[in-house]
C-alpha atoms as a PDB file:
ATOM      1  CA  MET A   1       7.907 -76.406 -14.761  1.00  0.00           C
ATOM      2  CA  SER A   2       5.759 -77.121 -11.784  1.00  0.00           C
ATOM      3  CA  ASP A   3       3.919 -80.140 -13.188  1.00  0.00           C
ATOM      4  CA  LYS A   4       7.152 -81.783 -14.467  1.00  0.00           C
ATOM      5  CA  ARG A   5       5.574 -82.533 -17.808  1.00  0.00           C
ATOM      6  CA  THR A   6       7.731 -81.831 -20.799  1.00  0.00           C
ATOM      7  CA  PHE A   7       7.668 -79.075 -23.362  1.00  0.00           C
ATOM      8  CA  PHE A   8       6.423 -81.667 -25.822  1.00  0.00           C
ATOM      9  CA  HIS A   9       3.281 -82.229 -23.717  1.00  0.00           C
ATOM     10  CA  PHE A  10       2.692 -78.468 -23.795  1.00  0.00           C
ATOM     11  CA  GLN A  11       3.305 -78.315 -27.542  1.00  0.00           C
ATOM     12  CA  GLU A  12       0.936 -81.182 -28.280  1.00  0.00           C
ATOM     13  CA  ARG A  13      -1.846 -79.557 -26.239  1.00  0.00           C
ATOM     14  CA  ALA A  14      -1.197 -76.027 -27.514  1.00  0.00           C
ATOM     15  CA  LEU A  15      -1.365 -77.027 -31.170  1.00  0.00           C
ATOM     16  CA  GLY A  16      -4.832 -78.400 -30.526  1.00  0.00           C
ATOM     17  CA  GLY A  17      -6.085 -74.823 -30.801  1.00  0.00           C
ATOM     18  CA  LEU A  18      -4.607 -74.452 -34.266  1.00  0.00           C
ATOM     19  CA  TRP A  19      -6.111 -77.810 -35.233  1.00  0.00           C
ATOM     20  CA  ALA A  20      -9.566 -76.640 -34.077  1.00  0.00           C
ATOM     21  CA  TRP A  21      -9.188 -73.282 -35.868  1.00  0.00           C
ATOM     22  CA  GLY A  22      -8.175 -75.048 -39.061  1.00  0.00           C
ATOM     23  CA  LEU A  23     -11.144 -77.414 -38.968  1.00  0.00           C
ATOM     24  CA  ALA A  24     -13.566 -74.591 -38.130  1.00  0.00           C
ATOM     25  CA  SER A  25     -12.149 -72.456 -40.953  1.00  0.00           C
ATOM     26  CA  MET A  26     -12.558 -75.296 -43.419  1.00  0.00           C
ATOM     27  CA  ALA A  27     -16.171 -75.865 -42.331  1.00  0.00           C
ATOM     28  CA  ALA A  28     -16.980 -72.148 -42.580  1.00  0.00           C
ATOM     29  CA  GLY A  29     -15.244 -71.936 -45.935  1.00  0.00           C
ATOM     30  CA  LEU A  30     -17.224 -74.840 -47.325  1.00  0.00           C
ATOM     31  CA  GLY A  31     -20.427 -73.163 -46.210  1.00  0.00           C
ATOM     32  CA  MET A  32     -19.463 -69.875 -47.845  1.00  0.00           C
ATOM     33  CA  LEU A  33     -18.631 -71.590 -51.132  1.00  0.00           C
ATOM     34  CA  ALA A  34     -22.313 -72.469 -51.473  1.00  0.00           C
ATOM     35  CA  VAL A  35     -23.622 -68.872 -51.393  1.00  0.00           C
ATOM     36  CA  PRO A  36     -24.341 -66.909 -54.587  1.00  0.00           C
ATOM     37  CA  ASN A  37     -22.391 -63.814 -53.457  1.00  0.00           C
ATOM     38  CA  ARG A  38     -19.022 -63.775 -55.277  1.00  0.00           C
ATOM     39  CA  ALA A  39     -17.225 -61.881 -52.516  1.00  0.00           C
ATOM     40  CA  LEU A  40     -18.364 -64.370 -49.879  1.00  0.00           C
ATOM     41  CA  ARG A  41     -17.417 -67.314 -52.086  1.00  0.00           C
ATOM     42  CA  HIS A  42     -13.890 -65.939 -52.406  1.00  0.00           C
ATOM     43  CA  ALA A  43     -13.726 -65.291 -48.667  1.00  0.00           C
ATOM     44  CA  GLY A  44     -14.855 -68.895 -48.226  1.00  0.00           C
ATOM     45  CA  LEU A  45     -12.125 -70.130 -50.543  1.00  0.00           C
ATOM     46  CA  GLN A  46      -9.585 -68.303 -48.384  1.00  0.00           C
ATOM     47  CA  ALA A  47     -11.054 -69.792 -45.192  1.00  0.00           C
ATOM     48  CA  LEU A  48     -11.011 -73.273 -46.689  1.00  0.00           C
ATOM     49  CA  SER A  49      -7.428 -72.941 -47.952  1.00  0.00           C
ATOM     50  CA  TRP A  50      -5.985 -71.353 -44.818  1.00  0.00           C
ATOM     51  CA  GLY A  51      -7.895 -73.804 -42.649  1.00  0.00           C
ATOM     52  CA  ALA A  52      -6.483 -76.794 -44.515  1.00  0.00           C
ATOM     53  CA  ILE A  53      -2.936 -75.464 -44.134  1.00  0.00           C
ATOM     54  CA  ASP A  54      -3.444 -74.668 -40.433  1.00  0.00           C
ATOM     55  CA  ALA A  55      -4.926 -78.106 -39.760  1.00  0.00           C
ATOM     56  CA  LEU A  56      -2.059 -79.807 -41.585  1.00  0.00           C
ATOM     57  CA  LEU A  57       0.587 -77.816 -39.681  1.00  0.00           C
ATOM     58  CA  ALA A  58      -1.142 -78.560 -36.375  1.00  0.00           C
ATOM     59  CA  TRP A  59      -1.432 -82.257 -37.191  1.00  0.00           C
ATOM     60  CA  LEU A  60       2.258 -82.489 -38.135  1.00  0.00           C
ATOM     61  CA  GLY A  61       3.343 -80.519 -35.065  1.00  0.00           C
ATOM     62  CA  ARG A  62       1.229 -82.590 -32.714  1.00  0.00           C
ATOM     63  CA  ARG A  63       2.473 -85.820 -34.296  1.00  0.00           C
ATOM     64  CA  GLY A  64       6.069 -84.662 -33.835  1.00  0.00           C
ATOM     65  CA  ALA A  65       5.417 -83.736 -30.205  1.00  0.00           C
ATOM     66  CA  ARG A  66       3.831 -87.139 -29.512  1.00  0.00           C
ATOM     67  CA  ARG A  67       6.833 -88.862 -31.076  1.00  0.00           C
ATOM     68  CA  SER A  68       9.186 -86.829 -28.883  1.00  0.00           C
ATOM     69  CA  ILE A  69       7.145 -87.787 -25.812  1.00  0.00           C
ATOM     70  CA  ALA A  70       7.205 -91.472 -26.796  1.00  0.00           C
ATOM     71  CA  ARG A  71      10.967 -91.542 -27.245  1.00  0.00           C
ATOM     72  CA  GLY A  72      11.561 -89.574 -24.042  1.00  0.00           C
ATOM     73  CA  ALA A  73      13.287 -86.694 -25.811  1.00  0.00           C
ATOM     74  CA  ALA A  74      15.389 -84.615 -23.433  1.00  0.00           C
ATOM     75  CA  ASP A  75      15.944 -81.588 -25.678  1.00  0.00           C
ATOM     76  CA  GLY A  76      12.764 -79.784 -24.622  1.00  0.00           C
ATOM     77  CA  PRO A  77      14.360 -76.412 -23.783  1.00  0.00           C
ATOM     78  CA  ARG A  78      16.220 -76.320 -27.100  1.00  0.00           C
ATOM     79  CA  GLN A  79      13.071 -77.288 -28.991  1.00  0.00           C
ATOM     80  CA  ALA A  80      11.052 -74.720 -27.032  1.00  0.00           C
ATOM     81  CA  ARG A  81      13.502 -71.995 -28.073  1.00  0.00           C
ATOM     82  CA  ARG A  82      13.220 -73.148 -31.691  1.00  0.00           C
ATOM     83  CA  PHE A  83       9.418 -73.241 -31.439  1.00  0.00           C
ATOM     84  CA  ARG A  84       9.349 -69.688 -30.028  1.00  0.00           C
ATOM     85  CA  ALA A  85      11.643 -68.403 -32.773  1.00  0.00           C
ATOM     86  CA  ILE A  86       9.358 -69.906 -35.422  1.00  0.00           C
ATOM     87  CA  LEU A  87       6.276 -68.432 -33.752  1.00  0.00           C
ATOM     88  CA  LEU A  88       7.814 -64.963 -33.531  1.00  0.00           C
ATOM     89  CA  ALA A  89       8.906 -65.078 -37.180  1.00  0.00           C
ATOM     90  CA  ASN A  90       5.397 -66.215 -38.093  1.00  0.00           C
ATOM     91  CA  ALA A  91       3.944 -63.268 -36.151  1.00  0.00           C
ATOM     92  CA  VAL A  92       5.817 -60.908 -38.466  1.00  0.00           C
ATOM     93  CA  LEU A  93       4.405 -62.784 -41.454  1.00  0.00           C
ATOM     94  CA  ASP A  94       0.921 -62.681 -39.889  1.00  0.00           C
ATOM     95  CA  ALA A  95       1.099 -58.884 -39.722  1.00  0.00           C
ATOM     96  CA  GLY A  96       2.003 -58.932 -43.411  1.00  0.00           C
ATOM     97  CA  TYR A  97      -1.005 -61.128 -44.181  1.00  0.00           C
ATOM     98  CA  ILE A  98      -3.287 -58.648 -42.417  1.00  0.00           C
ATOM     99  CA  ALA A  99      -1.770 -55.733 -44.328  1.00  0.00           C
ATOM    100  CA  GLY A 100      -2.058 -57.652 -47.597  1.00  0.00           C
ATOM    101  CA  GLY A 101      -5.692 -58.534 -46.945  1.00  0.00           C
ATOM    102  CA  LEU A 102      -6.517 -54.913 -46.122  1.00  0.00           C
ATOM    103  CA  ALA A 103      -4.722 -53.780 -49.287  1.00  0.00           C
ATOM    104  CA  LEU A 104      -6.814 -56.202 -51.345  1.00  0.00           C
ATOM    105  CA  ILE A 105     -10.002 -54.827 -49.808  1.00  0.00           C
ATOM    106  CA  ARG A 106      -8.938 -51.203 -50.412  1.00  0.00           C
ATOM    107  CA  SER A 107      -7.922 -51.838 -54.012  1.00  0.00           C
ATOM    108  CA  ALA A 108     -10.922 -53.999 -54.963  1.00  0.00           C
ATOM    109  CA  ARG A 109     -12.710 -51.173 -56.850  1.00  0.00           C
ATOM    110  CA  GLY A 110     -15.812 -53.076 -57.831  1.00  0.00           C
ATOM    111  CA  ARG A 111     -14.111 -56.469 -58.039  1.00  0.00           C
ATOM    112  CA  PRO A 112     -15.945 -58.611 -55.503  1.00  0.00           C
ATOM    113  CA  GLU A 113     -13.499 -61.512 -55.887  1.00  0.00           C
ATOM    114  CA  ARG A 114     -10.596 -59.312 -54.787  1.00  0.00           C
ATOM    115  CA  ALA A 115     -12.572 -57.840 -51.895  1.00  0.00           C
ATOM    116  CA  GLY A 116     -13.638 -61.341 -50.838  1.00  0.00           C
ATOM    117  CA  MET A 117     -10.049 -62.553 -50.875  1.00  0.00           C
ATOM    118  CA  GLY A 118      -9.075 -59.691 -48.574  1.00  0.00           C
ATOM    119  CA  VAL A 119     -12.046 -60.315 -46.297  1.00  0.00           C
ATOM    120  CA  GLY A 120     -10.988 -63.954 -46.095  1.00  0.00           C
ATOM    121  CA  ILE A 121      -7.326 -63.215 -45.385  1.00  0.00           C
ATOM    122  CA  VAL A 122      -7.691 -60.576 -42.644  1.00  0.00           C
ATOM    123  CA  PRO A 123      -9.362 -62.767 -39.973  1.00  0.00           C
ATOM    124  CA  GLN A 124      -6.903 -65.588 -40.670  1.00  0.00           C
ATOM    125  CA  GLY A 125      -3.981 -63.217 -40.178  1.00  0.00           C
ATOM    126  CA  LEU A 126      -5.524 -61.706 -37.043  1.00  0.00           C
ATOM    127  CA  PHE A 127      -6.132 -65.095 -35.464  1.00  0.00           C
ATOM    128  CA  LEU A 128      -2.667 -66.353 -36.341  1.00  0.00           C
ATOM    129  CA  LEU A 129      -0.981 -63.177 -35.068  1.00  0.00           C
ATOM    130  CA  CYS A 130      -2.727 -63.453 -31.696  1.00  0.00           C
ATOM    131  CA  TYR A 131      -2.256 -67.218 -31.493  1.00  0.00           C
ATOM    132  CA  ASP A 132       1.429 -67.158 -32.434  1.00  0.00           C
ATOM    133  CA  LEU A 133       2.199 -64.389 -29.934  1.00  0.00           C
ATOM    134  CA  LEU A 134       0.248 -66.161 -27.185  1.00  0.00           C
ATOM    135  CA  LEU A 135       2.031 -69.482 -27.795  1.00  0.00           C
ATOM    136  CA  ALA A 136       5.424 -67.756 -27.932  1.00  0.00           C
ATOM    137  CA  TRP A 137       4.687 -66.184 -24.557  1.00  0.00           C
ATOM    138  CA  LEU A 138       3.410 -69.454 -23.059  1.00  0.00           C
ATOM    139  CA  ALA A 139       6.442 -71.367 -24.370  1.00  0.00           C
ATOM    140  CA  GLY A 140       8.803 -68.899 -22.679  1.00  0.00           C
ATOM    141  CA  PRO A 141       9.160 -70.806 -19.391  1.00  0.00           C
ATOM    142  CA  TRP A 142       9.858 -74.024 -21.294  1.00  0.00           C
ATOM    143  CA  ALA A 143      12.609 -72.294 -23.292  1.00  0.00           C
ATOM    144  CA  ARG A 144      14.323 -71.072 -20.115  1.00  0.00           C
ATOM    145  CA  GLU A 145      14.118 -74.325 -18.170  1.00  0.00           C
ATOM    146  CA  LEU A 146      17.463 -75.954 -17.439  1.00  0.00           C
ATOM    147  CA  PRO A 147      17.985 -79.673 -17.951  1.00  0.00           C
ATOM    148  CA  GLU A 148      17.555 -81.727 -14.753  1.00  0.00           C
ATOM    149  CA  ASP A 149      21.303 -82.149 -14.195  1.00  0.00           C
ATOM    150  CA  GLN A 150      21.864 -78.339 -14.324  1.00  0.00           C
ATOM    151  CA  ASN A 151      19.095 -77.322 -11.877  1.00  0.00           C
ATOM    152  CA  VAL A 152      20.446 -76.043  -8.571  1.00  0.00           C
END
């Protein structure tokens, strides 16, 4: 890469977006839990739950990247390929989350809790699908980079 920083620097920065999304989702979810509308409360519960999971995954990923930076890890290209594979597999799951959320909305039939769950799941799946695909694309150059001793 042109700036000679490692994949782990990229990973630590990139997961900051997931961290921010997770925290924002939790804050929005907490706010929605306070409203009297049952559908919105269930959407809020989804936002809170997904946000907590996203924030935890981002925190763990960033911590791992910082540890790799601190120890001077040299397996960046291998880890970048692993990271991309995980992101692409997650993108498939994200599409499933969107479909599942839409199915919940369609099948709610007067059950506001079910509709709210679907309304809460769809934006989480949409964000994660876009985010995972973007990060997989951005990690591509890191996955193809050769170790220093193999560059010609």
